[in-house]
Amino acid sequence: MPKTRIAFMPLNTYPNVMADEAIRPAVGFAASLGCSLHVTTYAVKIPRLSSPLGGLLLDVPGLARTAEETSRAECRRLGELVQAAAGALVTPDITCREVDLGAVFDAAAHEARYYDLSILPWSDASVAPQDVTQSVVFGSGRPTIIVPPSTGPDPVSHLAIAWDGSRVAARALGDALALLPEGGRVTVLTVQDEKPLAGQIAQTLASSLEKRGITALTHTIPLGRRKIAEALQEGALESGATLLAMGGFGHSRIRDFILGGATKGVFADLRLPVLLSH
């Protein structure tokens, strides 16, 4: 039986729903990787609490029931949206799970552990995608690809790896290489003025990849006044890559990369799919 790589996509429905225009390209991106796709939509369960005013002014149970019904309806709608976006490209497996209020992020991280990678649609319209991303990246132990709405359906034949020679960078590289098709190429990105880098680490990695039959080039990026994630994205795009893999800047760097998008950080202008390994 041939092996099948399965991507996992969690979609939350409460209190905010991911924008349709963000979900469609993420589904297409999964298909471009040759992955099967498992989508879980999460419907909220709200505990029944009594109003301190005895229900005279506020029907708390009624509001909870309405929120739950809306959440379940969104699950059905999102399932239909994914099915339509997939078309003939990929046959998605779509399930709906009910989770307690506040438990969806942990539920998504735990479920992601059963798949090869997670693919998360991205939108800067609300903080909900950032919360899901943080939970899955740090809690699943699996690689996670964040897909901006501008992503096209082309296959990933050229990837860029943010490289500092660390263990976490090596893990990101291994996760990304598993997605690279035969004949694909790699650009090894290193950043000047960010932290000391010992020796010719970029060229050493490029030579190692070449020995394995992978076309590899190096690209050194000046940091200047830019944030590290901004510099890496721009370097990846300059090289012509369609996927940036990173993980070599440690826990705090990746967390800054994610949380920065909550206000005016790099995710306010996510320009290409980014694979994060932790």
Protein backbone atom coordinates (compact mmCIF):
# COMPACT_ATOMS: atom_id res chain seq x y z
CA MET A 1 0.00 0.00 0.00
CA PRO A 2 1.54 3.39 -0.98
CA LYS A 3 2.25 5.82 1.83
CA THR A 4 -0.01 8.85 2.13
CA ARG A 5 1.00 12.11 3.76
CA ILE A 6 -1.93 13.64 5.65
CA ALA A 7 -2.20 17.33 6.51
CA PHE A 8 -4.40 18.52 9.36
CA MET A 9 -6.40 21.75 9.27
CA PRO A 10 -8.26 22.88 12.42
CA LEU A 11 -11.02 25.46 11.96
CA ASN A 12 -12.46 27.23 14.96
CA THR A 13 -15.98 28.68 14.97
CA TYR A 14 -16.19 30.59 18.26
CA PRO A 15 -16.01 33.44 19.02
CA ASN A 16 -14.63 34.26 15.54
CA VAL A 17 -14.65 32.28 12.30
CA MET A 18 -11.73 32.24 9.86
CA ALA A 19 -12.46 34.24 6.71
CA ASP A 20 -13.56 32.17 3.71
CA GLU A 21 -10.98 33.85 1.48
CA ALA A 22 -8.24 32.60 3.81
CA ILE A 23 -9.47 29.00 3.92
CA ARG A 24 -9.71 28.43 0.17
CA PRO A 25 -6.01 29.00 -0.65
CA ALA A 26 -4.96 26.90 2.34
CA VAL A 27 -6.97 23.97 0.97
CA GLY A 28 -5.37 24.47 -2.43
CA PHE A 29 -1.92 24.61 -0.84
CA ALA A 30 -2.49 21.25 0.85
CA ALA A 31 -3.38 19.79 -2.53
CA SER A 32 -0.27 21.33 -4.11
CA LEU A 33 1.87 19.43 -1.60
CA GLY A 34 0.25 16.16 -2.67
CA CYS A 35 -1.23 15.70 0.80
CA SER A 36 -4.50 14.17 1.83
CA LEU A 37 -6.39 16.62 4.02
CA HIS A 38 -8.14 16.08 7.34
CA VAL A 39 -10.21 19.05 8.48
CA THR A 40 -11.72 19.34 11.94
CA THR A 41 -14.23 22.07 12.64
CA TYR A 42 -14.79 22.84 16.32
CA ALA A 43 -18.20 23.61 17.76
CA VAL A 44 -18.30 25.25 21.17
CA LYS A 45 -20.05 23.87 24.26
CA ILE A 46 -20.87 26.59 26.79
CA PRO A 47 -21.51 25.65 30.43
CA ARG A 48 -24.95 26.60 31.70
CA LEU A 49 -24.68 29.45 34.18
CA SER A 50 -27.51 31.29 35.87
CA SER A 51 -27.79 35.06 35.63
CA PRO A 52 -27.06 36.89 38.90
CA LEU A 53 -30.27 38.82 38.28
CA GLY A 54 -32.34 35.68 38.07
CA GLY A 55 -32.86 35.98 34.34
CA LEU A 56 -34.96 39.14 34.67
CA LEU A 57 -32.69 41.22 32.46
CA LEU A 58 -30.52 38.68 30.64
CA ASP A 59 -31.40 35.22 29.37
CA VAL A 60 -27.95 33.68 29.85
CA PRO A 61 -28.97 30.07 29.02
CA GLY A 62 -30.73 31.31 25.89
CA LEU A 63 -27.66 33.25 24.80
CA ALA A 64 -25.51 30.17 25.34
CA ARG A 65 -27.85 27.99 23.27
CA THR A 66 -27.84 30.56 20.46
CA ALA A 67 -24.04 30.71 20.46
CA GLU A 68 -23.82 26.90 20.33
CA GLU A 69 -26.33 26.66 17.48
CA THR A 70 -24.45 29.34 15.55
CA SER A 71 -21.18 27.51 16.11
CA ARG A 72 -22.62 24.20 14.88
CA ALA A 73 -24.09 25.92 11.83
CA GLU A 74 -20.69 27.41 11.05
CA CYS A 75 -19.15 23.94 11.29
CA ARG A 76 -21.55 22.70 8.63
CA ARG A 77 -20.93 25.73 6.44
CA LEU A 78 -17.14 25.46 6.74
CA GLY A 79 -17.32 21.78 5.83
CA GLU A 80 -19.20 22.67 2.66
CA LEU A 81 -16.73 25.48 1.92
CA VAL A 82 -13.74 23.14 2.23
CA GLN A 83 -15.44 20.54 0.06
CA ALA A 84 -16.11 23.13 -2.65
CA ALA A 85 -12.58 24.57 -2.42
CA ALA A 86 -11.06 21.12 -2.73
CA GLY A 87 -12.96 20.30 -5.91
CA ALA A 88 -11.11 17.58 -7.80
CA LEU A 89 -7.74 18.55 -6.28
CA VAL A 90 -8.04 16.60 -3.04
CA THR A 91 -10.74 14.63 -1.21
CA PRO A 92 -10.91 16.09 2.30
CA ASP A 93 -11.95 14.13 5.35
CA ILE A 94 -14.10 16.55 7.35
CA THR A 95 -15.26 16.06 10.92
CA CYS A 96 -16.93 18.24 13.53
CA ARG A 97 -15.97 18.06 17.20
CA GLU A 98 -17.71 19.67 20.14
CA VAL A 99 -15.30 21.13 22.69
CA ASP A 100 -15.82 23.02 25.92
CA LEU A 101 -15.52 26.79 25.92
CA GLY A 102 -11.82 27.72 25.98
CA ALA A 103 -10.59 24.22 25.12
CA VAL A 104 -10.34 24.46 21.34
CA PHE A 105 -6.67 25.48 21.21
CA ASP A 106 -5.47 22.53 23.26
CA ALA A 107 -7.80 20.22 21.33
CA ALA A 108 -6.31 21.37 18.03
CA ALA A 109 -2.74 20.89 19.28
CA HIS A 110 -3.48 17.38 20.55
CA GLU A 111 -5.25 16.31 17.37
CA ALA A 112 -2.42 17.66 15.20
CA ARG A 113 -0.06 15.06 16.72
CA TYR A 114 -1.78 12.32 14.73
CA TYR A 115 -0.90 13.80 11.32
CA ASP A 116 2.21 14.54 9.31
CA LEU A 117 1.84 18.32 9.42
CA SER A 118 -0.68 21.05 10.06
CA ILE A 119 -1.75 23.62 7.48
CA LEU A 120 -3.30 26.73 8.98
CA PRO A 121 -5.08 29.43 6.98
CA TRP A 122 -4.03 32.90 8.02
CA SER A 123 -5.90 36.17 8.37
CA ASP A 124 -4.85 39.31 10.20
CA ALA A 125 -8.47 40.36 10.67
CA SER A 126 -8.64 38.91 14.22
CA VAL A 127 -6.47 37.37 16.90
CA ALA A 128 -8.13 33.94 16.61
CA PRO A 129 -5.72 32.60 13.92
CA GLN A 130 -2.77 33.71 16.05
CA ASP A 131 -4.08 31.81 19.08
CA VAL A 132 -4.61 28.62 17.07
CA THR A 133 -1.18 28.97 15.45
CA GLN A 134 0.60 29.43 18.76
CA SER A 135 -1.13 26.40 20.28
CA VAL A 136 -0.45 24.08 17.33
CA VAL A 137 3.17 25.18 16.80
CA PHE A 138 4.16 24.84 20.45
CA GLY A 139 1.84 22.03 21.46
CA SER A 140 1.68 19.53 18.62
CA GLY A 141 5.30 18.50 18.06
CA ARG A 142 4.58 18.46 14.32
CA PRO A 143 5.55 20.95 11.60
CA THR A 144 3.02 23.69 10.94
CA ILE A 145 2.62 25.69 7.74
CA ILE A 146 0.87 29.05 7.93
CA VAL A 147 -0.71 29.98 4.60
CA PRO A 148 -1.55 33.61 3.70
CA PRO A 149 -4.59 34.38 1.53
CA SER A 150 -2.33 35.46 -1.36
CA THR A 151 -0.94 31.93 -1.81
CA GLY A 152 -1.39 30.41 -5.25
CA PRO A 153 -1.89 26.75 -6.19
CA ASP A 154 1.60 26.17 -7.58
CA PRO A 155 3.61 23.28 -6.10
CA VAL A 156 6.49 24.01 -3.75
CA SER A 157 9.51 23.37 -5.96
CA HIS A 158 11.79 25.91 -4.25
CA LEU A 159 12.03 26.35 -0.51
CA ALA A 160 14.13 28.63 1.66
CA ILE A 161 15.50 27.52 5.03
CA ALA A 162 16.43 29.97 7.78
CA TRP A 163 19.73 28.45 8.87
CA ASP A 164 21.94 29.03 11.91
CA GLY A 165 23.21 25.48 12.34
CA SER A 166 21.09 24.79 15.42
CA ARG A 167 19.11 21.68 16.32
CA VAL A 168 15.82 23.46 15.76
CA ALA A 169 16.94 24.68 12.34
CA ALA A 170 17.94 21.13 11.43
CA ARG A 171 14.51 19.90 12.41
CA ALA A 172 12.83 22.56 10.28
CA LEU A 173 15.07 21.57 7.37
CA GLY A 174 14.13 17.89 7.70
CA ASP A 175 10.43 18.71 7.91
CA ALA A 176 10.65 20.93 4.83
CA LEU A 177 12.74 18.55 2.73
CA ALA A 178 10.05 15.90 3.16
CA LEU A 179 7.75 18.20 1.16
CA LEU A 180 10.22 19.01 -1.61
CA PRO A 181 9.47 17.17 -4.87
CA GLU A 182 12.09 15.48 -7.03
CA GLY A 183 14.11 18.16 -8.78
CA GLY A 184 13.26 20.84 -6.22
CA ARG A 185 15.83 23.28 -4.92
CA VAL A 186 16.75 24.95 -1.64
CA THR A 187 18.04 28.39 -0.73
CA VAL A 188 19.96 28.53 2.54
CA LEU A 189 19.26 31.86 4.26
CA THR A 190 21.56 33.37 6.87
CA VAL A 191 21.10 36.77 8.49
CA GLN A 192 23.95 39.20 9.13
CA ASP A 193 24.12 41.21 12.36
CA GLU A 194 21.47 39.11 14.12
CA LYS A 195 23.75 36.85 16.16
CA PRO A 196 27.23 35.33 15.76
CA LEU A 197 27.38 32.45 13.26
CA ALA A 198 30.36 30.11 13.41
CA GLY A 199 32.19 29.37 10.17
CA GLN A 200 30.74 28.87 6.71
CA ILE A 201 27.57 27.18 7.93
CA ALA A 202 25.44 28.16 4.92
CA GLN A 203 27.93 26.81 2.42
CA THR A 204 28.43 23.67 4.50
CA LEU A 205 24.69 22.95 4.40
CA ALA A 206 24.45 23.75 0.69
CA SER A 207 27.30 21.33 -0.03
CA SER A 208 25.63 18.64 2.08
CA LEU A 209 22.37 19.08 0.16
CA GLU A 210 24.18 18.96 -3.19
CA LYS A 211 25.74 15.63 -2.21
CA ARG A 212 22.19 14.34 -1.69
CA GLY A 213 21.16 15.42 -5.17
CA ILE A 214 19.39 18.62 -4.14
CA THR A 215 20.22 21.87 -5.91
CA ALA A 216 21.14 24.36 -3.20
CA LEU A 217 22.31 27.98 -3.12
CA THR A 218 23.15 30.35 -0.27
CA HIS A 219 21.76 33.82 0.37
CA THR A 220 23.02 36.15 3.09
CA ILE A 221 20.58 38.82 4.28
CA PRO A 222 21.52 42.08 6.02
CA LEU A 223 19.22 42.62 8.99
CA GLY A 224 19.45 46.40 9.16
CA ARG A 225 16.51 47.90 11.00
CA ARG A 226 14.12 45.12 10.07
CA LYS A 227 12.66 42.49 12.37
CA ILE A 228 14.19 39.08 11.90
CA ALA A 229 11.01 37.51 10.49
CA GLU A 230 10.57 40.39 8.06
CA ALA A 231 14.14 40.01 6.82
CA LEU A 232 13.69 36.26 6.36
CA GLN A 233 10.48 36.61 4.39
CA GLU A 234 11.99 39.22 2.12
CA GLY A 235 15.09 37.09 1.63
CA ALA A 236 12.99 34.07 0.74
CA LEU A 237 11.01 36.06 -1.82
CA GLU A 238 14.17 37.57 -3.29
CA SER A 239 15.50 34.08 -3.89
CA GLY A 240 12.28 33.00 -5.61
CA ALA A 241 11.22 30.51 -2.92
CA THR A 242 7.54 29.70 -2.42
CA LEU A 243 7.94 28.29 1.11
CA LEU A 244 10.04 29.54 4.02
CA ALA A 245 11.03 26.99 6.67
CA MET A 246 12.25 28.30 10.00
CA GLY A 247 12.93 27.12 13.49
CA GLY A 248 16.57 28.00 13.96
CA PHE A 249 16.00 31.07 16.07
CA GLY A 250 14.81 29.31 19.17
CA HIS A 251 11.64 29.38 21.22
CA SER A 252 11.57 33.10 21.90
CA ARG A 253 12.28 34.03 18.29
CA ILE A 254 9.47 31.87 16.94
CA ARG A 255 7.12 33.13 19.64
CA ASP A 256 8.00 36.71 18.70
CA PHE A 257 7.35 35.79 15.07
CA ILE A 258 3.85 34.61 15.95
CA LEU A 259 2.85 37.14 18.58
CA GLY A 260 4.19 40.04 16.55
CA GLY A 261 1.27 39.63 14.18
CA ALA A 262 -1.18 40.43 16.99
CA THR A 263 -0.48 44.13 16.45
CA LYS A 264 1.81 45.47 13.74
CA GLY A 265 4.29 42.60 13.41
CA VAL A 266 5.21 40.54 10.45
CA PHE A 267 1.94 38.62 10.22
CA ALA A 268 0.25 41.87 9.35
CA ASP A 269 2.01 41.32 6.03
CA LEU A 270 2.55 37.57 5.72
CA ARG A 271 3.83 37.21 2.16
CA LEU A 272 4.39 33.50 1.60
CA PRO A 273 3.68 30.18 3.33
CA VAL A 274 5.90 29.70 6.38
CA LEU A 275 6.74 26.31 7.89
CA LEU A 276 7.49 26.46 11.62
CA SER A 277 9.05 23.59 13.53
CA HIS A 278 9.42 23.57 17.30
